[in-house]
Amino acid sequence: MKYMILVNGSQQDFDTDLPAEEMKAIGAALDEFNDNLRESGEFLDAQGLAAPAEARRIKIKEGIPVVTDGPYGETQEVVIGYWLVECESYDRATEIAAQLARCPGPESVIDVRSIME
């Protein structure tokens, strides 16, 4: 089965200037995490998303699309990245997400969702 692991954060995560050494450690940990998933055959894709300040939101108001540039004051948490994995069970996808949560970096809430097929 396929699962999407969604990493949630906020504009603050992008506004915080982390020391170069810490950024390097985060990158190395995520590279190792991805390599392990590739070796197990569970990795399908992973991407980080641009800051919420660079996003656009489209809502329909009276039948007309209304575009709003980010960030959005009413929304504290947004998806800042994702992993798409294929594994044997929801439990295994949850284990993968828990491993991701242990990687260095800002504390994030992580959601696991099954892909409808």
PDB file of N, CA and C in Angstrom:
ATOM      1  N   MET A   1       0.832  -1.185   0.000  1.00  0.00           N
ATOM      2  CA  MET A   1       0.000   0.000   0.000  1.00  0.00           C
ATOM      3  C   MET A   1       0.877   1.249   0.000  1.00  0.00           C
ATOM      4  N   LYS A   2       0.307   2.321  -0.515  1.00  0.00           N
ATOM      5  CA  LYS A   2       1.025   3.592  -0.549  1.00  0.00           C
ATOM      6  C   LYS A   2       0.498   4.506   0.553  1.00  0.00           C
ATOM      7  N   TYR A   3       1.424   5.251   1.137  1.00  0.00           N
ATOM      8  CA  TYR A   3       1.093   6.175   2.216  1.00  0.00           C
ATOM      9  C   TYR A   3       1.807   7.497   1.989  1.00  0.00           C
ATOM     10  N   MET A   4       1.145   8.570   2.381  1.00  0.00           N
ATOM     11  CA  MET A   4       1.781   9.881   2.351  1.00  0.00           C
ATOM     12  C   MET A   4       2.049  10.296   3.790  1.00  0.00           C
ATOM     13  N   ILE A   5       3.283  10.666   4.037  1.00  0.00           N
ATOM     14  CA  ILE A   5       3.696  11.160   5.344  1.00  0.00           C
ATOM     15  C   ILE A   5       3.837  12.672   5.195  1.00  0.00           C
ATOM     16  N   LEU A   6       2.984  13.401   5.889  1.00  0.00           N
ATOM     17  CA  LEU A   6       2.925  14.858   5.770  1.00  0.00           C
ATOM     18  C   LEU A   6       3.582  15.505   6.982  1.00  0.00           C
ATOM     19  N   VAL A   7       4.549  16.367   6.733  1.00  0.00           N
ATOM     20  CA  VAL A   7       5.229  17.087   7.808  1.00  0.00           C
ATOM     21  C   VAL A   7       4.619  18.482   7.884  1.00  0.00           C
ATOM     22  N   ASN A   8       4.133  18.830   9.061  1.00  0.00           N
ATOM     23  CA  ASN A   8       3.483  20.118   9.270  1.00  0.00           C
ATOM     24  C   ASN A   8       4.407  21.076  10.006  1.00  0.00           C
ATOM     25  N   GLY A   9       4.322  22.329   9.671  1.00  0.00           N
ATOM     26  CA  GLY A   9       5.118  23.354  10.324  1.00  0.00           C
ATOM     27  C   GLY A   9       4.411  24.689  10.178  1.00  0.00           C
ATOM     28  N   SER A  10       5.181  25.765  10.301  1.00  0.00           N
ATOM     29  CA  SER A  10       4.601  27.100  10.201  1.00  0.00           C
ATOM     30  C   SER A  10       5.582  28.036   9.507  1.00  0.00           C
ATOM     31  N   GLN A  11       5.137  29.238   9.249  1.00  0.00           N
ATOM     32  CA  GLN A  11       6.015  30.243   8.650  1.00  0.00           C
ATOM     33  C   GLN A  11       7.240  30.471   9.530  1.00  0.00           C
ATOM     34  N   GLN A  12       7.064  30.346  10.844  1.00  0.00           N
ATOM     35  CA  GLN A  12       8.183  30.521  11.784  1.00  0.00           C
ATOM     36  C   GLN A  12       9.340  29.585  11.470  1.00  0.00           C
ATOM     37  N   ASP A  13       9.039  28.379  11.030  1.00  0.00           N
ATOM     38  CA  ASP A  13      10.097  27.419  10.700  1.00  0.00           C
ATOM     39  C   ASP A  13      10.982  27.946   9.577  1.00  0.00           C
ATOM     40  N   PHE A  14      10.423  28.742   8.698  1.00  0.00           N
ATOM     41  CA  PHE A  14      11.179  29.300   7.581  1.00  0.00           C
ATOM     42  C   PHE A  14      11.861  30.614   7.958  1.00  0.00           C
ATOM     43  N   ASP A  15      11.296  31.312   8.944  1.00  0.00           N
ATOM     44  CA  ASP A  15      11.831  32.606   9.357  1.00  0.00           C
ATOM     45  C   ASP A  15      13.006  32.482  10.315  1.00  0.00           C
ATOM     46  N   THR A  16      13.180  31.310  10.907  1.00  0.00           N
ATOM     47  CA  THR A  16      14.256  31.086  11.864  1.00  0.00           C
ATOM     48  C   THR A  16      15.547  30.786  11.117  1.00  0.00           C
ATOM     49  N   ASP A  17      16.573  31.565  11.387  1.00  0.00           N
ATOM     50  CA  ASP A  17      17.883  31.328  10.773  1.00  0.00           C
ATOM     51  C   ASP A  17      18.662  30.329  11.621  1.00  0.00           C
ATOM     52  N   LEU A  18      18.774  29.113  11.127  1.00  0.00           N
ATOM     53  CA  LEU A  18      19.548  28.095  11.827  1.00  0.00           C
ATOM     54  C   LEU A  18      21.006  28.220  11.417  1.00  0.00           C
ATOM     55  N   PRO A  19      21.913  27.937  12.344  1.00  0.00           N
ATOM     56  CA  PRO A  19      23.337  27.959  11.997  1.00  0.00           C
ATOM     57  C   PRO A  19      23.627  26.961  10.869  1.00  0.00           C
ATOM     58  N   ALA A  20      24.594  27.289  10.028  1.00  0.00           N
ATOM     59  CA  ALA A  20      24.952  26.439   8.882  1.00  0.00           C
ATOM     60  C   ALA A  20      25.272  25.020   9.322  1.00  0.00           C
ATOM     61  N   GLU A  21      25.928  24.875  10.457  1.00  0.00           N
ATOM     62  CA  GLU A  21      26.291  23.548  10.964  1.00  0.00           C
ATOM     63  C   GLU A  21      25.043  22.717  11.269  1.00  0.00           C
ATOM     64  N   GLU A  22      24.036  23.365  11.854  1.00  0.00           N
ATOM     65  CA  GLU A  22      22.790  22.664  12.172  1.00  0.00           C
ATOM     66  C   GLU A  22      22.044  22.282  10.891  1.00  0.00           C
ATOM     67  N   MET A  23      22.030  23.177   9.910  1.00  0.00           N
ATOM     68  CA  MET A  23      21.389  22.877   8.623  1.00  0.00           C
ATOM     69  C   MET A  23      22.075  21.693   7.946  1.00  0.00           C
ATOM     70  N   LYS A  24      23.389  21.648   8.038  1.00  0.00           N
ATOM     71  CA  LYS A  24      24.150  20.545   7.447  1.00  0.00           C
ATOM     72  C   LYS A  24      23.795  19.225   8.138  1.00  0.00           C
ATOM     73  N   ALA A  25      23.643  19.247   9.460  1.00  0.00           N
ATOM     74  CA  ALA A  25      23.278  18.043  10.216  1.00  0.00           C
ATOM     75  C   ALA A  25      21.873  17.568   9.848  1.00  0.00           C
ATOM     76  N   ILE A  26      20.954  18.503   9.684  1.00  0.00           N
ATOM     77  CA  ILE A  26      19.587  18.153   9.289  1.00  0.00           C
ATOM     78  C   ILE A  26      19.601  17.514   7.905  1.00  0.00           C
ATOM     79  N   GLY A  27      20.316  18.125   6.964  1.00  0.00           N
ATOM     80  CA  GLY A  27      20.407  17.586   5.606  1.00  0.00           C
ATOM     81  C   GLY A  27      21.007  16.198   5.575  1.00  0.00           C
ATOM     82  N   ALA A  28      22.062  15.982   6.362  1.00  0.00           N
ATOM     83  CA  ALA A  28      22.713  14.669   6.407  1.00  0.00           C
ATOM     84  C   ALA A  28      21.771  13.615   6.982  1.00  0.00           C
ATOM     85  N   ALA A  29      21.032  13.972   8.032  1.00  0.00           N
ATOM     86  CA  ALA A  29      20.099  13.024   8.646  1.00  0.00           C
ATOM     87  C   ALA A  29      18.980  12.661   7.674  1.00  0.00           C
ATOM     88  N   LEU A  30      18.467  13.640   6.952  1.00  0.00           N
ATOM     89  CA  LEU A  30      17.397  13.363   5.988  1.00  0.00           C
ATOM     90  C   LEU A  30      17.909  12.553   4.803  1.00  0.00           C
ATOM     91  N   ASP A  31      19.138  12.817   4.370  1.00  0.00           N
ATOM     92  CA  ASP A  31      19.738  12.008   3.296  1.00  0.00           C
ATOM     93  C   ASP A  31      19.853  10.550   3.728  1.00  0.00           C
ATOM     94  N   GLU A  32      20.302  10.333   4.955  1.00  0.00           N
ATOM     95  CA  GLU A  32      20.434   8.963   5.474  1.00  0.00           C
ATOM     96  C   GLU A  32      19.061   8.302   5.595  1.00  0.00           C
ATOM     97  N   PHE A  33      18.086   9.046   6.097  1.00  0.00           N
ATOM     98  CA  PHE A  33      16.720   8.545   6.219  1.00  0.00           C
ATOM     99  C   PHE A  33      16.199   8.105   4.846  1.00  0.00           C
ATOM    100  N   ASN A  34      16.371   8.967   3.830  1.00  0.00           N
ATOM    101  CA  ASN A  34      15.915   8.645   2.471  1.00  0.00           C
ATOM    102  C   ASN A  34      16.674   7.455   1.895  1.00  0.00           C
ATOM    103  N   ASP A  35      17.980   7.406   2.115  1.00  0.00           N
ATOM    104  CA  ASP A  35      18.784   6.281   1.623  1.00  0.00           C
ATOM    105  C   ASP A  35      18.302   4.962   2.208  1.00  0.00           C
ATOM    106  N   ASN A  36      17.972   4.960   3.509  1.00  0.00           N
ATOM    107  CA  ASN A  36      17.468   3.740   4.151  1.00  0.00           C
ATOM    108  C   ASN A  36      16.144   3.303   3.532  1.00  0.00           C
ATOM    109  N   LEU A  37      15.277   4.270   3.224  1.00  0.00           N
ATOM    110  CA  LEU A  37      14.004   3.931   2.579  1.00  0.00           C
ATOM    111  C   LEU A  37      14.223   3.404   1.167  1.00  0.00           C
ATOM    112  N   ARG A  38      15.184   3.971   0.457  1.00  0.00           N
ATOM    113  CA  ARG A  38      15.495   3.479  -0.895  1.00  0.00           C
ATOM    114  C   ARG A  38      16.005   2.043  -0.832  1.00  0.00           C
ATOM    115  N   GLU A  39      16.898   1.782   0.121  1.00  0.00           N
ATOM    116  CA  GLU A  39      17.460   0.432   0.267  1.00  0.00           C
ATOM    117  C   GLU A  39      16.386  -0.592   0.585  1.00  0.00           C
ATOM    118  N   SER A  40      15.382  -0.194   1.366  1.00  0.00           N
ATOM    119  CA  SER A  40      14.307  -1.125   1.722  1.00  0.00           C
ATOM    120  C   SER A  40      13.260  -1.234   0.612  1.00  0.00           C
ATOM    121  N   GLY A  41      13.364  -0.372  -0.413  1.00  0.00           N
ATOM    122  CA  GLY A  41      12.401  -0.386  -1.509  1.00  0.00           C
ATOM    123  C   GLY A  41      11.100   0.333  -1.186  1.00  0.00           C
ATOM    124  N   GLU A  42      11.070   1.087  -0.089  1.00  0.00           N
ATOM    125  CA  GLU A  42       9.835   1.747   0.343  1.00  0.00           C
ATOM    126  C   GLU A  42       9.727   3.204  -0.126  1.00  0.00           C
ATOM    127  N   PHE A  43      10.816   3.787  -0.576  1.00  0.00           N
ATOM    128  CA  PHE A  43      10.835   5.198  -0.977  1.00  0.00           C
ATOM    129  C   PHE A  43      10.216   5.376  -2.359  1.00  0.00           C
ATOM    130  N   LEU A  44       9.267   6.299  -2.474  1.00  0.00           N
ATOM    131  CA  LEU A  44       8.710   6.669  -3.774  1.00  0.00           C
ATOM    132  C   LEU A  44       9.055   8.114  -4.124  1.00  0.00           C
ATOM    133  N   ASP A  45       8.906   9.016  -3.162  1.00  0.00           N
ATOM    134  CA  ASP A  45       9.188  10.426  -3.415  1.00  0.00           C
ATOM    135  C   ASP A  45       9.238  11.168  -2.084  1.00  0.00           C
ATOM    136  N   ALA A  46       9.916  12.302  -2.083  1.00  0.00           N
ATOM    137  CA  ALA A  46       9.936  13.201  -0.927  1.00  0.00           C
ATOM    138  C   ALA A  46      10.281  14.590  -1.427  1.00  0.00           C
ATOM    139  N   GLN A  47       9.595  15.578  -0.898  1.00  0.00           N
ATOM    140  CA  GLN A  47       9.852  16.962  -1.290  1.00  0.00           C
ATOM    141  C   GLN A  47       9.570  17.889  -0.121  1.00  0.00           C
ATOM    142  N   GLY A  48      10.372  18.929  -0.018  1.00  0.00           N
ATOM    143  CA  GLY A  48      10.069  20.026   0.890  1.00  0.00           C
ATOM    144  C   GLY A  48       9.289  21.069   0.110  1.00  0.00           C
ATOM    145  N   LEU A  49       8.428  21.782   0.789  1.00  0.00           N
ATOM    146  CA  LEU A  49       7.623  22.808   0.137  1.00  0.00           C
ATOM    147  C   LEU A  49       8.132  24.196   0.511  1.00  0.00           C
ATOM    148  N   ALA A  50       7.890  25.159  -0.357  1.00  0.00           N
ATOM    149  CA  ALA A  50       8.294  26.541  -0.104  1.00  0.00           C
ATOM    150  C   ALA A  50       7.526  27.095   1.097  1.00  0.00           C
ATOM    151  N   ALA A  51       8.037  28.178   1.624  1.00  0.00           N
ATOM    152  CA  ALA A  51       7.434  28.822   2.795  1.00  0.00           C
ATOM    153  C   ALA A  51       5.988  29.227   2.520  1.00  0.00           C
ATOM    154  N   PRO A  52       5.136  29.196   3.560  1.00  0.00           N
ATOM    155  CA  PRO A  52       3.746  29.616   3.390  1.00  0.00           C
ATOM    156  C   PRO A  52       3.616  31.036   2.837  1.00  0.00           C
ATOM    157  N   ALA A  53       4.591  31.892   3.117  1.00  0.00           N
ATOM    158  CA  ALA A  53       4.546  33.268   2.605  1.00  0.00           C
ATOM    159  C   ALA A  53       4.585  33.299   1.080  1.00  0.00           C
ATOM    160  N   GLU A  54       5.054  32.221   0.464  1.00  0.00           N
ATOM    161  CA  GLU A  54       5.138  32.148  -0.994  1.00  0.00           C
ATOM    162  C   GLU A  54       3.957  31.403  -1.617  1.00  0.00           C
ATOM    163  N   ALA A  55       2.999  31.015  -0.778  1.00  0.00           N
ATOM    164  CA  ALA A  55       1.861  30.220  -1.249  1.00  0.00           C
ATOM    165  C   ALA A  55       0.716  31.116  -1.718  1.00  0.00           C
ATOM    166  N   ARG A  56      -0.193  30.500  -2.423  1.00  0.00           N
ATOM    167  CA  ARG A  56      -1.445  31.149  -2.806  1.00  0.00           C
ATOM    168  C   ARG A  56      -2.588  30.219  -2.435  1.00  0.00           C
ATOM    169  N   ARG A  57      -3.656  30.811  -1.962  1.00  0.00           N
ATOM    170  CA  ARG A  57      -4.850  30.054  -1.608  1.00  0.00           C
ATOM    171  C   ARG A  57      -5.989  30.530  -2.497  1.00  0.00           C
ATOM    172  N   ILE A  58      -6.737  29.581  -3.019  1.00  0.00           N
ATOM    173  CA  ILE A  58      -7.871  29.903  -3.883  1.00  0.00           C
ATOM    174  C   ILE A  58      -9.143  29.421  -3.201  1.00  0.00           C
ATOM    175  N   LYS A  59     -10.085  30.325  -3.023  1.00  0.00           N
ATOM    176  CA  LYS A  59     -11.400  30.000  -2.467  1.00  0.00           C
ATOM    177  C   LYS A  59     -12.453  30.475  -3.462  1.00  0.00           C
ATOM    178  N   ILE A  60     -13.572  29.797  -3.450  1.00  0.00           N
ATOM    179  CA  ILE A  60     -14.696  30.221  -4.285  1.00  0.00           C
ATOM    180  C   ILE A  60     -15.613  31.082  -3.424  1.00  0.00           C
ATOM    181  N   LYS A  61     -15.863  32.297  -3.882  1.00  0.00           N
ATOM    182  CA  LYS A  61     -16.769  33.202  -3.178  1.00  0.00           C
ATOM    183  C   LYS A  61     -17.812  33.672  -4.179  1.00  0.00           C
ATOM    184  N   GLU A  62     -19.048  33.293  -3.909  1.00  0.00           N
ATOM    185  CA  GLU A  62     -20.162  33.620  -4.805  1.00  0.00           C
ATOM    186  C   GLU A  62     -19.883  33.147  -6.227  1.00  0.00           C
ATOM    187  N   GLY A  63     -19.296  31.953  -6.332  1.00  0.00           N
ATOM    188  CA  GLY A  63     -19.040  31.333  -7.620  1.00  0.00           C
ATOM    189  C   GLY A  63     -17.802  31.821  -8.345  1.00  0.00           C
ATOM    190  N   ILE A  64     -17.044  32.725  -7.728  1.00  0.00           N
ATOM    191  CA  ILE A  64     -15.857  33.295  -8.366  1.00  0.00           C
ATOM    192  C   ILE A  64     -14.613  32.911  -7.569  1.00  0.00           C
ATOM    193  N   PRO A  65     -13.564  32.399  -8.252  1.00  0.00           N
ATOM    194  CA  PRO A  65     -12.321  32.089  -7.545  1.00  0.00           C
ATOM    195  C   PRO A  65     -11.660  33.372  -7.025  1.00  0.00           C
ATOM    196  N   VAL A  66     -11.320  33.364  -5.745  1.00  0.00           N
ATOM    197  CA  VAL A  66     -10.630  34.490  -5.118  1.00  0.00           C
ATOM    198  C   VAL A  66      -9.261  33.990  -4.677  1.00  0.00           C
ATOM    199  N   VAL A  67      -8.209  34.657  -5.137  1.00  0.00           N
ATOM    200  CA  VAL A  67      -6.833  34.253  -4.840  1.00  0.00           C
ATOM    201  C   VAL A  67      -6.283  35.144  -3.735  1.00  0.00           C
ATOM    202  N   THR A  68      -5.691  34.498  -2.717  1.00  0.00           N
ATOM    203  CA  THR A  68      -5.058  35.211  -1.608  1.00  0.00           C
ATOM    204  C   THR A  68      -3.612  34.765  -1.522  1.00  0.00           C
ATOM    205  N   ASP A  69      -2.693  35.717  -1.464  1.00  0.00           N
ATOM    206  CA  ASP A  69      -1.285  35.389  -1.255  1.00  0.00           C
ATOM    207  C   ASP A  69      -1.062  35.084   0.218  1.00  0.00           C
ATOM    208  N   GLY A  70      -0.134  34.135   0.503  1.00  0.00           N
ATOM    209  CA  GLY A  70       0.179  33.749   1.880  1.00  0.00           C
ATOM    210  C   GLY A  70       1.036  34.787   2.557  1.00  0.00           C
ATOM    211  N   PRO A  71       1.322  34.642   3.848  1.00  0.00           N
ATOM    212  CA  PRO A  71       0.817  33.590   4.735  1.00  0.00           C
ATOM    213  C   PRO A  71      -0.617  33.884   5.173  1.00  0.00           C
ATOM    214  N   TYR A  72      -1.213  32.909   5.797  1.00  0.00           N
ATOM    215  CA  TYR A  72      -2.617  33.000   6.155  1.00  0.00           C
ATOM    216  C   TYR A  72      -2.744  33.062   7.666  1.00  0.00           C
ATOM    217  N   GLY A  73      -3.183  34.198   8.176  1.00  0.00           N
ATOM    218  CA  GLY A  73      -3.282  34.418   9.613  1.00  0.00           C
ATOM    219  C   GLY A  73      -4.151  33.407  10.329  1.00  0.00           C
ATOM    220  N   GLU A  74      -5.181  32.908   9.649  1.00  0.00           N
ATOM    221  CA  GLU A  74      -6.092  31.961  10.301  1.00  0.00           C
ATOM    222  C   GLU A  74      -5.508  30.554  10.380  1.00  0.00           C
ATOM    223  N   THR A  75      -4.388  30.316   9.715  1.00  0.00           N
ATOM    224  CA  THR A  75      -3.791  28.983   9.676  1.00  0.00           C
ATOM    225  C   THR A  75      -2.421  29.014  10.336  1.00  0.00           C
ATOM    226  N   GLN A  76      -2.272  28.295  11.424  1.00  0.00           N
ATOM    227  CA  GLN A  76      -0.983  28.231  12.097  1.00  0.00           C
ATOM    228  C   GLN A  76      -0.112  27.126  11.517  1.00  0.00           C
ATOM    229  N   GLU A  77      -0.706  25.961  11.280  1.00  0.00           N
ATOM    230  CA  GLU A  77       0.038  24.810  10.773  1.00  0.00           C
ATOM    231  C   GLU A  77      -0.248  24.595   9.297  1.00  0.00           C
ATOM    232  N   VAL A  78       0.810  24.341   8.552  1.00  0.00           N
ATOM    233  CA  VAL A  78       0.675  24.046   7.128  1.00  0.00           C
ATOM    234  C   VAL A  78       1.603  22.887   6.786  1.00  0.00           C
ATOM    235  N   VAL A  79       1.340  22.226   5.682  1.00  0.00           N
ATOM    236  CA  VAL A  79       2.224  21.162   5.216  1.00  0.00           C
ATOM    237  C   VAL A  79       3.490  21.821   4.680  1.00  0.00           C
ATOM    238  N   ILE A  80       4.653  21.385   5.192  1.00  0.00           N
ATOM    239  CA  ILE A  80       5.924  21.952   4.733  1.00  0.00           C
ATOM    240  C   ILE A  80       6.770  20.926   3.975  1.00  0.00           C
ATOM    241  N   GLY A  81       6.305  19.686   3.950  1.00  0.00           N
ATOM    242  CA  GLY A  81       7.008  18.662   3.199  1.00  0.00           C
ATOM    243  C   GLY A  81       6.260  17.343   3.264  1.00  0.00           C
ATOM    244  N   TYR A  82       6.683  16.415   2.409  1.00  0.00           N
ATOM    245  CA  TYR A  82       6.014  15.112   2.411  1.00  0.00           C
ATOM    246  C   TYR A  82       6.971  14.016   1.970  1.00  0.00           C
ATOM    247  N   TRP A  83       6.629  12.802   2.358  1.00  0.00           N
ATOM    248  CA  TRP A  83       7.262  11.578   1.860  1.00  0.00           C
ATOM    249  C   TRP A  83       6.141  10.704   1.334  1.00  0.00           C
ATOM    250  N   LEU A  84       6.373  10.093   0.207  1.00  0.00           N
ATOM    251  CA  LEU A  84       5.452   9.114  -0.352  1.00  0.00           C
ATOM    252  C   LEU A  84       6.172   7.777  -0.274  1.00  0.00           C
ATOM    253  N   VAL A  85       5.576   6.840   0.465  1.00  0.00           N
ATOM    254  CA  VAL A  85       6.213   5.537   0.664  1.00  0.00           C
ATOM    255  C   VAL A  85       5.256   4.433   0.256  1.00  0.00           C
ATOM    256  N   GLU A  86       5.834   3.297  -0.077  1.00  0.00           N
ATOM    257  CA  GLU A  86       5.041   2.099  -0.351  1.00  0.00           C
ATOM    258  C   GLU A  86       5.562   1.024   0.578  1.00  0.00           C
ATOM    259  N   CYS A  87       4.682   0.546   1.452  1.00  0.00           N
ATOM    260  CA  CYS A  87       5.115  -0.442   2.439  1.00  0.00           C
ATOM    261  C   CYS A  87       3.972  -1.398   2.757  1.00  0.00           C
ATOM    262  N   GLU A  88       4.275  -2.368   3.589  1.00  0.00           N
ATOM    263  CA  GLU A  88       3.352  -3.485   3.823  1.00  0.00           C
ATOM    264  C   GLU A  88       2.096  -3.127   4.608  1.00  0.00           C
ATOM    265  N   SER A  89       2.156  -2.092   5.463  1.00  0.00           N
ATOM    266  CA  SER A  89       1.007  -1.830   6.332  1.00  0.00           C
ATOM    267  C   SER A  89       1.017  -0.399   6.863  1.00  0.00           C
ATOM    268  N   TYR A  90      -0.119  -0.015   7.413  1.00  0.00           N
ATOM    269  CA  TYR A  90      -0.244   1.287   8.063  1.00  0.00           C
ATOM    270  C   TYR A  90       0.722   1.366   9.244  1.00  0.00           C
ATOM    271  N   ASP A  91       0.871   0.247   9.953  1.00  0.00           N
ATOM    272  CA  ASP A  91       1.809   0.215  11.082  1.00  0.00           C
ATOM    273  C   ASP A  91       3.231   0.498  10.622  1.00  0.00           C
ATOM    274  N   ARG A  92       3.634  -0.082   9.501  1.00  0.00           N
ATOM    275  CA  ARG A  92       4.985   0.167   8.991  1.00  0.00           C
ATOM    276  C   ARG A  92       5.131   1.629   8.570  1.00  0.00           C
ATOM    277  N   ALA A  93       4.119   2.203   7.933  1.00  0.00           N
ATOM    278  CA  ALA A  93       4.172   3.620   7.554  1.00  0.00           C
ATOM    279  C   ALA A  93       4.291   4.500   8.797  1.00  0.00           C
ATOM    280  N   THR A  94       3.613   4.107   9.860  1.00  0.00           N
ATOM    281  CA  THR A  94       3.699   4.844  11.123  1.00  0.00           C
ATOM    282  C   THR A  94       5.098   4.734  11.715  1.00  0.00           C
ATOM    283  N   GLU A  95       5.711   3.563  11.620  1.00  0.00           N
ATOM    284  CA  GLU A  95       7.103   3.396  12.079  1.00  0.00           C
ATOM    285  C   GLU A  95       8.043   4.313  11.296  1.00  0.00           C
ATOM    286  N   ILE A  96       7.842   4.390   9.997  1.00  0.00           N
ATOM    287  CA  ILE A  96       8.674   5.257   9.155  1.00  0.00           C
ATOM    288  C   ILE A  96       8.510   6.712   9.595  1.00  0.00           C
ATOM    289  N   ALA A  97       7.269   7.131   9.826  1.00  0.00           N
ATOM    290  CA  ALA A  97       7.011   8.506  10.267  1.00  0.00           C
ATOM    291  C   ALA A  97       7.655   8.783  11.624  1.00  0.00           C
ATOM    292  N   ALA A  98       7.631   7.800  12.513  1.00  0.00           N
ATOM    293  CA  ALA A  98       8.262   7.971  13.828  1.00  0.00           C
ATOM    294  C   ALA A  98       9.776   8.122  13.688  1.00  0.00           C
ATOM    295  N   GLN A  99      10.376   7.375  12.756  1.00  0.00           N
ATOM    296  CA  GLN A  99      11.812   7.535  12.496  1.00  0.00           C
ATOM    297  C   GLN A  99      12.095   8.938  11.973  1.00  0.00           C
ATOM    298  N   LEU A 100      11.249   9.426  11.097  1.00  0.00           N
ATOM    299  CA  LEU A 100      11.406  10.773  10.559  1.00  0.00           C
ATOM    300  C   LEU A 100      11.313  11.810  11.676  1.00  0.00           C
ATOM    301  N   ALA A 101      10.383  11.613  12.591  1.00  0.00           N
ATOM    302  CA  ALA A 101      10.200  12.558  13.699  1.00  0.00           C
ATOM    303  C   ALA A 101      11.451  12.667  14.565  1.00  0.00           C
ATOM    304  N   ARG A 102      12.254  11.612  14.599  1.00  0.00           N
ATOM    305  CA  ARG A 102      13.478  11.627  15.407  1.00  0.00           C
ATOM    306  C   ARG A 102      14.646  12.327  14.714  1.00  0.00           C
ATOM    307  N   CYS A 103      14.498  12.661  13.442  1.00  0.00           N
ATOM    308  CA  CYS A 103      15.569  13.382  12.742  1.00  0.00           C
ATOM    309  C   CYS A 103      15.722  14.774  13.350  1.00  0.00           C
ATOM    310  N   PRO A 104      16.938  15.322  13.321  1.00  0.00           N
ATOM    311  CA  PRO A 104      17.120  16.674  13.864  1.00  0.00           C
ATOM    312  C   PRO A 104      16.362  17.706  13.033  1.00  0.00           C
ATOM    313  N   GLY A 105      16.003  18.797  13.674  1.00  0.00           N
ATOM    314  CA  GLY A 105      15.289  19.874  13.002  1.00  0.00           C
ATOM    315  C   GLY A 105      14.201  20.413  13.897  1.00  0.00           C
ATOM    316  N   PRO A 106      13.464  21.398  13.422  1.00  0.00           N
ATOM    317  CA  PRO A 106      12.373  21.959  14.224  1.00  0.00           C
ATOM    318  C   PRO A 106      11.347  20.875  14.548  1.00  0.00           C
ATOM    319  N   GLU A 107      10.754  20.968  15.733  1.00  0.00           N
ATOM    320  CA  GLU A 107       9.716  20.000  16.095  1.00  0.00           C
ATOM    321  C   GLU A 107       8.534  20.172  15.150  1.00  0.00           C
ATOM    322  N   SER A 108       8.045  19.064  14.652  1.00  0.00           N
ATOM    323  CA  SER A 108       6.943  19.094  13.690  1.00  0.00           C
ATOM    324  C   SER A 108       5.898  18.063  14.064  1.00  0.00           C
ATOM    325  N   VAL A 109       4.686  18.325  13.658  1.00  0.00           N
ATOM    326  CA  VAL A 109       3.623  17.332  13.745  1.00  0.00           C
ATOM    327  C   VAL A 109       3.629  16.595  12.418  1.00  0.00           C
ATOM    328  N   ILE A 110       3.572  15.269  12.482  1.00  0.00           N
ATOM    329  CA  ILE A 110       3.621  14.451  11.273  1.00  0.00           C
ATOM    330  C   ILE A 110       2.341  13.629  11.178  1.00  0.00           C
ATOM    331  N   ASP A 111       1.713  13.673  10.017  1.00  0.00           N
ATOM    332  CA  ASP A 111       0.504  12.891   9.757  1.00  0.00           C
ATOM    333  C   ASP A 111       0.820  11.793   8.757  1.00  0.00           C
ATOM    334  N   VAL A 112       0.184  10.646   8.938  1.00  0.00           N
ATOM    335  CA  VAL A 112       0.309   9.533   7.990  1.00  0.00           C
ATOM    336  C   VAL A 112      -1.073   9.300   7.394  1.00  0.00           C
ATOM    337  N   ARG A 113      -1.151   9.305   6.066  1.00  0.00           N
ATOM    338  CA  ARG A 113      -2.425   9.103   5.379  1.00  0.00           C
ATOM    339  C   ARG A 113      -2.247   8.038   4.314  1.00  0.00           C
ATOM    340  N   SER A 114      -3.206   7.138   4.229  1.00  0.00           N
ATOM    341  CA  SER A 114      -3.143   6.142   3.164  1.00  0.00           C
ATOM    342  C   SER A 114      -3.605   6.790   1.854  1.00  0.00           C
ATOM    343  N   ILE A 115      -3.031   6.310   0.757  1.00  0.00           N
ATOM    344  CA  ILE A 115      -3.394   6.794  -0.574  1.00  0.00           C
ATOM    345  C   ILE A 115      -4.554   5.938  -1.075  1.00  0.00           C
ATOM    346  N   MET A 116      -5.598   6.582  -1.526  1.00  0.00           N
ATOM    347  CA  MET A 116      -6.741   5.837  -2.057  1.00  0.00           C
ATOM    348  C   MET A 116      -6.377   5.290  -3.425  1.00  0.00           C
ATOM    349  N   GLU A 117      -6.558   4.000  -3.598  1.00  0.00           N
ATOM    350  CA  GLU A 117      -6.242   3.370  -4.887  1.00  0.00           C
ATOM    351  C   GLU A 117      -7.464   2.684  -5.433  1.00  0.00           C
TER     352      GLU A 117
END
